[in-house]
């Protein structure tokens, strides 16, 4: 990939659904914190220019120590995030010096180089892209009383993952527009949607899980074991 790409890895959340005292991104798989596994994947991309890690204010020092310990030489900055994910991403992209940027969840340590490349290639072609997978289950819309109100066509539904790739100037503009309007989206693609910009989907893999619950952690240990057995 011969272009100017950087990555913001977001690892500032507390993750209450995990039910642990330690934040989910700092729990260990195979002796290393989850966020270190994630950073290492991006650090090994030969065409990636830089990485900015956004974490909690009280976690900056230990993350900086891990960057040094594990030789993550493409990490140019470790910075504190905001109270919301959107604010954390905004702080991260303001640190970037590249033309294009990927946003990735710190608790998605199983994304592959092929998936990242596919997302970025799609973004270069279409202007912006997200990684995603087709929904396998039937989805129901449910009201506040727990009653089904609609069944969307499954063939038009995708579960969106990260990374999400954008031209840095477009993402900055979308974030600043959202800040002026008081709009909060659940991912960065929503901010570009709100700004009227098109976004394409690059098909990923179902193994690119976001580790959020204890069950996810068990599955992550299985994926790691399976990956080691396959080498």
Protein backbone atom coordinates (compact mmCIF):
# COMPACT_ATOMS: atom_id res chain seq x y z
CA UNK A 1 0.00 0.00 0.00
CA UNK A 2 1.82 3.09 -1.24
CA UNK A 3 -0.01 5.92 0.50
CA UNK A 4 -0.03 8.09 3.61
CA UNK A 5 -2.00 6.25 6.31
CA UNK A 6 -2.02 6.47 10.11
CA UNK A 7 -4.13 4.79 12.77
CA UNK A 8 -5.86 5.96 15.94
CA UNK A 9 -6.41 3.10 18.37
CA UNK A 10 -9.08 3.90 20.94
CA UNK A 11 -8.68 2.28 24.36
CA UNK A 12 -10.12 4.77 26.83
CA UNK A 13 -13.30 2.97 27.90
CA UNK A 14 -13.98 1.26 31.23
CA UNK A 15 -16.04 -1.64 29.90
CA UNK A 16 -18.52 -2.21 32.74
CA UNK A 17 -20.05 -5.22 30.96
CA UNK A 18 -16.86 -7.21 31.51
CA UNK A 19 -17.51 -7.19 35.26
CA UNK A 20 -13.81 -6.88 36.18
CA UNK A 21 -11.96 -4.28 38.22
CA UNK A 22 -9.44 -3.89 35.40
CA UNK A 23 -10.53 -2.20 32.17
CA UNK A 24 -11.16 -4.74 29.40
CA UNK A 25 -8.42 -3.42 27.10
CA UNK A 26 -5.81 -4.17 29.77
CA UNK A 27 -6.89 -7.73 30.52
CA UNK A 28 -4.38 -10.28 29.27
CA UNK A 29 -4.45 -12.84 26.49
CA UNK A 30 -1.44 -15.13 26.29
CA UNK A 31 0.50 -13.01 28.77
CA UNK A 32 0.05 -9.64 27.05
CA UNK A 33 -2.61 -6.93 27.48
CA UNK A 34 -5.30 -6.97 24.80
CA UNK A 35 -4.42 -3.45 23.68
CA UNK A 36 -0.79 -4.50 23.13
CA UNK A 37 -1.93 -7.32 20.83
CA UNK A 38 -4.00 -4.76 18.91
CA UNK A 39 -1.22 -2.19 18.62
CA UNK A 40 1.24 -4.87 17.51
CA UNK A 41 -0.96 -5.85 14.54
CA UNK A 42 -0.89 -2.27 13.24
CA UNK A 43 2.75 -1.74 14.16
CA UNK A 44 3.71 -4.62 11.84
CA UNK A 45 2.05 -3.02 8.79
CA UNK A 46 5.01 -1.95 6.63
CA UNK A 47 3.03 0.81 4.88
CA UNK A 48 1.53 2.40 8.03
CA UNK A 49 3.13 5.72 8.95
CA UNK A 50 2.12 6.24 12.58
CA UNK A 51 -0.13 5.13 15.43
CA UNK A 52 -1.75 7.27 18.11
CA UNK A 53 -3.10 5.45 21.14
CA UNK A 54 -5.92 7.14 23.07
CA UNK A 55 -6.42 5.80 26.57
CA UNK A 56 -7.61 6.86 30.02
CA UNK A 57 -5.81 9.72 31.77
CA UNK A 58 -4.62 7.39 34.54
CA UNK A 59 -3.41 4.78 32.05
CA UNK A 60 -1.12 6.87 29.85
CA UNK A 61 2.07 6.05 31.79
CA UNK A 62 1.65 2.27 31.75
CA UNK A 63 0.68 2.31 28.07
CA UNK A 64 3.81 4.34 27.28
CA UNK A 65 5.82 1.74 29.20
CA UNK A 66 4.27 -1.07 27.14
CA UNK A 67 5.03 0.78 23.91
CA UNK A 68 8.68 0.82 24.97
CA UNK A 69 8.68 -2.73 26.35
CA UNK A 70 7.18 -4.32 23.24
CA UNK A 71 9.06 -2.23 20.68
CA UNK A 72 5.99 -0.56 19.17
CA UNK A 73 8.04 1.98 17.29
CA UNK A 74 5.24 3.36 15.11
CA UNK A 75 3.34 4.68 18.13
CA UNK A 76 4.03 8.41 17.94
CA UNK A 77 1.86 9.44 20.91
CA UNK A 78 -0.14 8.05 23.82
CA UNK A 79 -2.74 10.60 24.89
CA UNK A 80 -5.67 10.81 27.34
CA UNK A 81 -9.14 10.54 25.86
CA UNK A 82 -12.43 12.20 26.73
CA UNK A 83 -15.51 11.12 28.63
CA UNK A 84 -17.09 9.77 25.41
CA UNK A 85 -15.57 7.66 22.64
CA UNK A 86 -16.32 10.37 20.08
CA UNK A 87 -14.28 12.91 22.06
CA UNK A 88 -11.43 10.40 22.40
CA UNK A 89 -11.33 9.87 18.64
CA UNK A 90 -11.39 13.63 18.05
CA UNK A 91 -8.42 14.14 20.34
CA UNK A 92 -6.60 11.32 18.57
CA UNK A 93 -7.12 12.53 15.01
CA UNK A 94 -5.92 16.02 15.97
CA UNK A 95 -2.53 14.39 16.63
CA UNK A 96 -2.27 12.80 13.19
CA UNK A 97 0.11 13.95 10.46
CA UNK A 98 -1.10 11.69 7.66
CA UNK A 99 -3.49 12.24 4.75
CA UNK A 100 -5.58 9.17 5.62
CA UNK A 101 -6.51 7.73 9.00
CA UNK A 102 -7.96 4.50 10.36
CA UNK A 103 -9.94 4.37 13.60
CA UNK A 104 -9.76 1.03 15.42
CA UNK A 105 -11.07 -0.33 18.71
CA UNK A 106 -8.33 -1.28 21.13
CA UNK A 107 -10.32 -4.39 22.08
CA UNK A 108 -10.38 -5.88 18.57
CA UNK A 109 -7.07 -7.78 18.65
CA UNK A 110 -7.90 -10.34 15.95
CA UNK A 111 -8.21 -8.10 12.88
CA UNK A 112 -5.90 -9.32 10.12
CA UNK A 113 -3.56 -7.47 7.81
CA UNK A 114 -5.70 -8.59 4.86
CA UNK A 115 -8.82 -7.06 6.43
CA UNK A 116 -7.02 -3.80 7.20
CA UNK A 117 -5.65 -3.63 3.66
CA UNK A 118 -9.10 -4.29 2.18
CA UNK A 119 -10.68 -1.52 4.25
CA UNK A 120 -8.00 0.99 3.30
CA UNK A 121 -8.06 0.05 -0.39
CA UNK A 122 -11.84 0.53 -0.41
CA UNK A 123 -11.47 3.92 1.30
CA UNK A 124 -8.94 5.07 -1.29
CA UNK A 125 -11.35 4.09 -4.05
CA UNK A 126 -14.61 5.37 -2.50
CA UNK A 127 -13.46 8.13 -0.13
CA UNK A 128 -14.33 6.34 3.13
CA UNK A 129 -14.84 2.73 4.23
CA UNK A 130 -15.77 0.57 7.18
CA UNK A 131 -15.05 -3.08 7.79
CA UNK A 132 -18.16 -5.18 8.32
CA UNK A 133 -19.81 -8.57 7.97
CA UNK A 134 -23.27 -9.56 6.72
CA UNK A 135 -25.75 -10.19 9.52
CA UNK A 136 -26.41 -13.93 9.90
CA UNK A 137 -29.41 -13.78 12.23
CA UNK A 138 -32.90 -12.47 11.61
CA UNK A 139 -33.14 -9.00 13.18
CA UNK A 140 -36.26 -7.67 14.89
CA UNK A 141 -37.08 -4.08 15.77
CA UNK A 142 -38.63 -3.99 19.25
CA UNK A 143 -40.48 -1.17 21.05
CA UNK A 144 -40.23 -0.09 24.67
CA UNK A 145 -42.80 -2.67 25.71
CA UNK A 146 -40.77 -5.53 24.24
CA UNK A 147 -43.09 -6.02 21.26
CA UNK A 148 -41.78 -6.61 17.75
CA UNK A 149 -42.58 -3.72 15.43
CA UNK A 150 -40.69 -4.72 12.25
CA UNK A 151 -38.38 -7.28 10.65
CA UNK A 152 -35.81 -5.60 8.38
CA UNK A 153 -34.57 -7.46 5.32
CA UNK A 154 -31.53 -9.35 6.58
CA UNK A 155 -29.82 -9.14 3.18
CA UNK A 156 -29.46 -5.36 3.54
CA UNK A 157 -28.01 -5.49 7.08
CA UNK A 158 -24.33 -5.52 7.98
CA UNK A 159 -22.66 -5.60 11.39
CA UNK A 160 -20.05 -2.85 11.28
CA UNK A 161 -16.61 -3.37 12.80
CA UNK A 162 -13.34 -1.47 12.85
CA UNK A 163 -11.06 -0.34 11.39
CA UNK A 164 -12.90 2.46 9.67
CA UNK A 165 -10.82 4.44 7.18
CA UNK A 166 -11.24 8.07 6.13
CA UNK A 167 -9.46 11.00 4.58
CA UNK A 168 -8.23 12.83 7.67
CA UNK A 169 -9.58 16.22 6.56
CA UNK A 170 -13.07 14.74 5.99
CA UNK A 171 -13.11 13.09 9.41
CA UNK A 172 -11.94 16.24 11.17
CA UNK A 173 -14.63 18.28 9.41
CA UNK A 174 -17.30 15.70 10.34
CA UNK A 175 -16.23 15.70 13.99
CA UNK A 176 -16.23 19.47 14.16
CA UNK A 177 -19.68 19.65 12.56
CA UNK A 178 -20.97 17.11 15.09
CA UNK A 179 -19.47 19.13 17.95
CA UNK A 180 -21.19 22.31 16.74
CA UNK A 181 -24.53 20.49 16.44
CA UNK A 182 -24.24 18.53 19.67
CA UNK A 183 -24.53 15.26 17.76
CA UNK A 184 -23.12 12.01 19.15
CA UNK A 185 -22.80 8.94 16.94
CA UNK A 186 -22.02 5.36 17.92
CA UNK A 187 -19.17 5.22 15.40
CA UNK A 188 -17.22 7.61 13.20
CA UNK A 189 -19.01 6.56 10.03
CA UNK A 190 -22.22 8.03 11.48
CA UNK A 191 -20.57 11.44 11.62
CA UNK A 192 -19.69 11.28 7.92
CA UNK A 193 -23.20 10.05 7.15
CA UNK A 194 -24.54 13.09 9.02
CA UNK A 195 -22.26 15.32 6.95
CA UNK A 196 -23.64 13.79 3.74
CA UNK A 197 -20.52 11.90 2.67
CA UNK A 198 -20.70 8.38 1.18
CA UNK A 199 -19.09 5.41 2.96
CA UNK A 200 -18.46 1.95 1.51
CA UNK A 201 -18.34 -1.38 3.31
CA UNK A 202 -15.39 -3.75 2.95
CA UNK A 203 -16.26 -7.31 3.94
CA UNK A 204 -14.32 -8.59 6.92
CA UNK A 205 -14.39 -11.73 9.03
CA UNK A 206 -16.57 -12.84 11.94
CA UNK A 207 -13.44 -13.50 14.00
CA UNK A 208 -12.74 -9.75 14.23
CA UNK A 209 -14.55 -9.67 17.56
CA UNK A 210 -14.84 -6.78 20.00
CA UNK A 211 -13.98 -8.10 23.45
CA UNK A 212 -16.74 -6.71 25.68
CA UNK A 213 -18.08 -9.51 27.91
CA UNK A 214 -16.57 -12.47 29.80
CA UNK A 215 -17.86 -14.76 27.02
CA UNK A 216 -15.90 -12.70 24.49
CA UNK A 217 -12.76 -13.17 26.57
CA UNK A 218 -13.24 -16.94 26.55
CA UNK A 219 -13.75 -16.91 22.78
CA UNK A 220 -10.66 -14.70 22.40
CA UNK A 221 -8.56 -17.26 24.28
CA UNK A 222 -9.90 -19.95 21.92
CA UNK A 223 -9.07 -17.85 18.83
CA UNK A 224 -5.56 -17.24 20.13
CA UNK A 225 -5.08 -20.97 20.80
CA UNK A 226 -6.48 -21.87 17.37
CA UNK A 227 -4.17 -19.34 15.72
CA UNK A 228 -1.12 -20.75 17.51
CA UNK A 229 -2.08 -24.31 16.54
CA UNK A 230 -2.42 -23.24 12.91
CA UNK A 231 1.09 -21.86 12.63
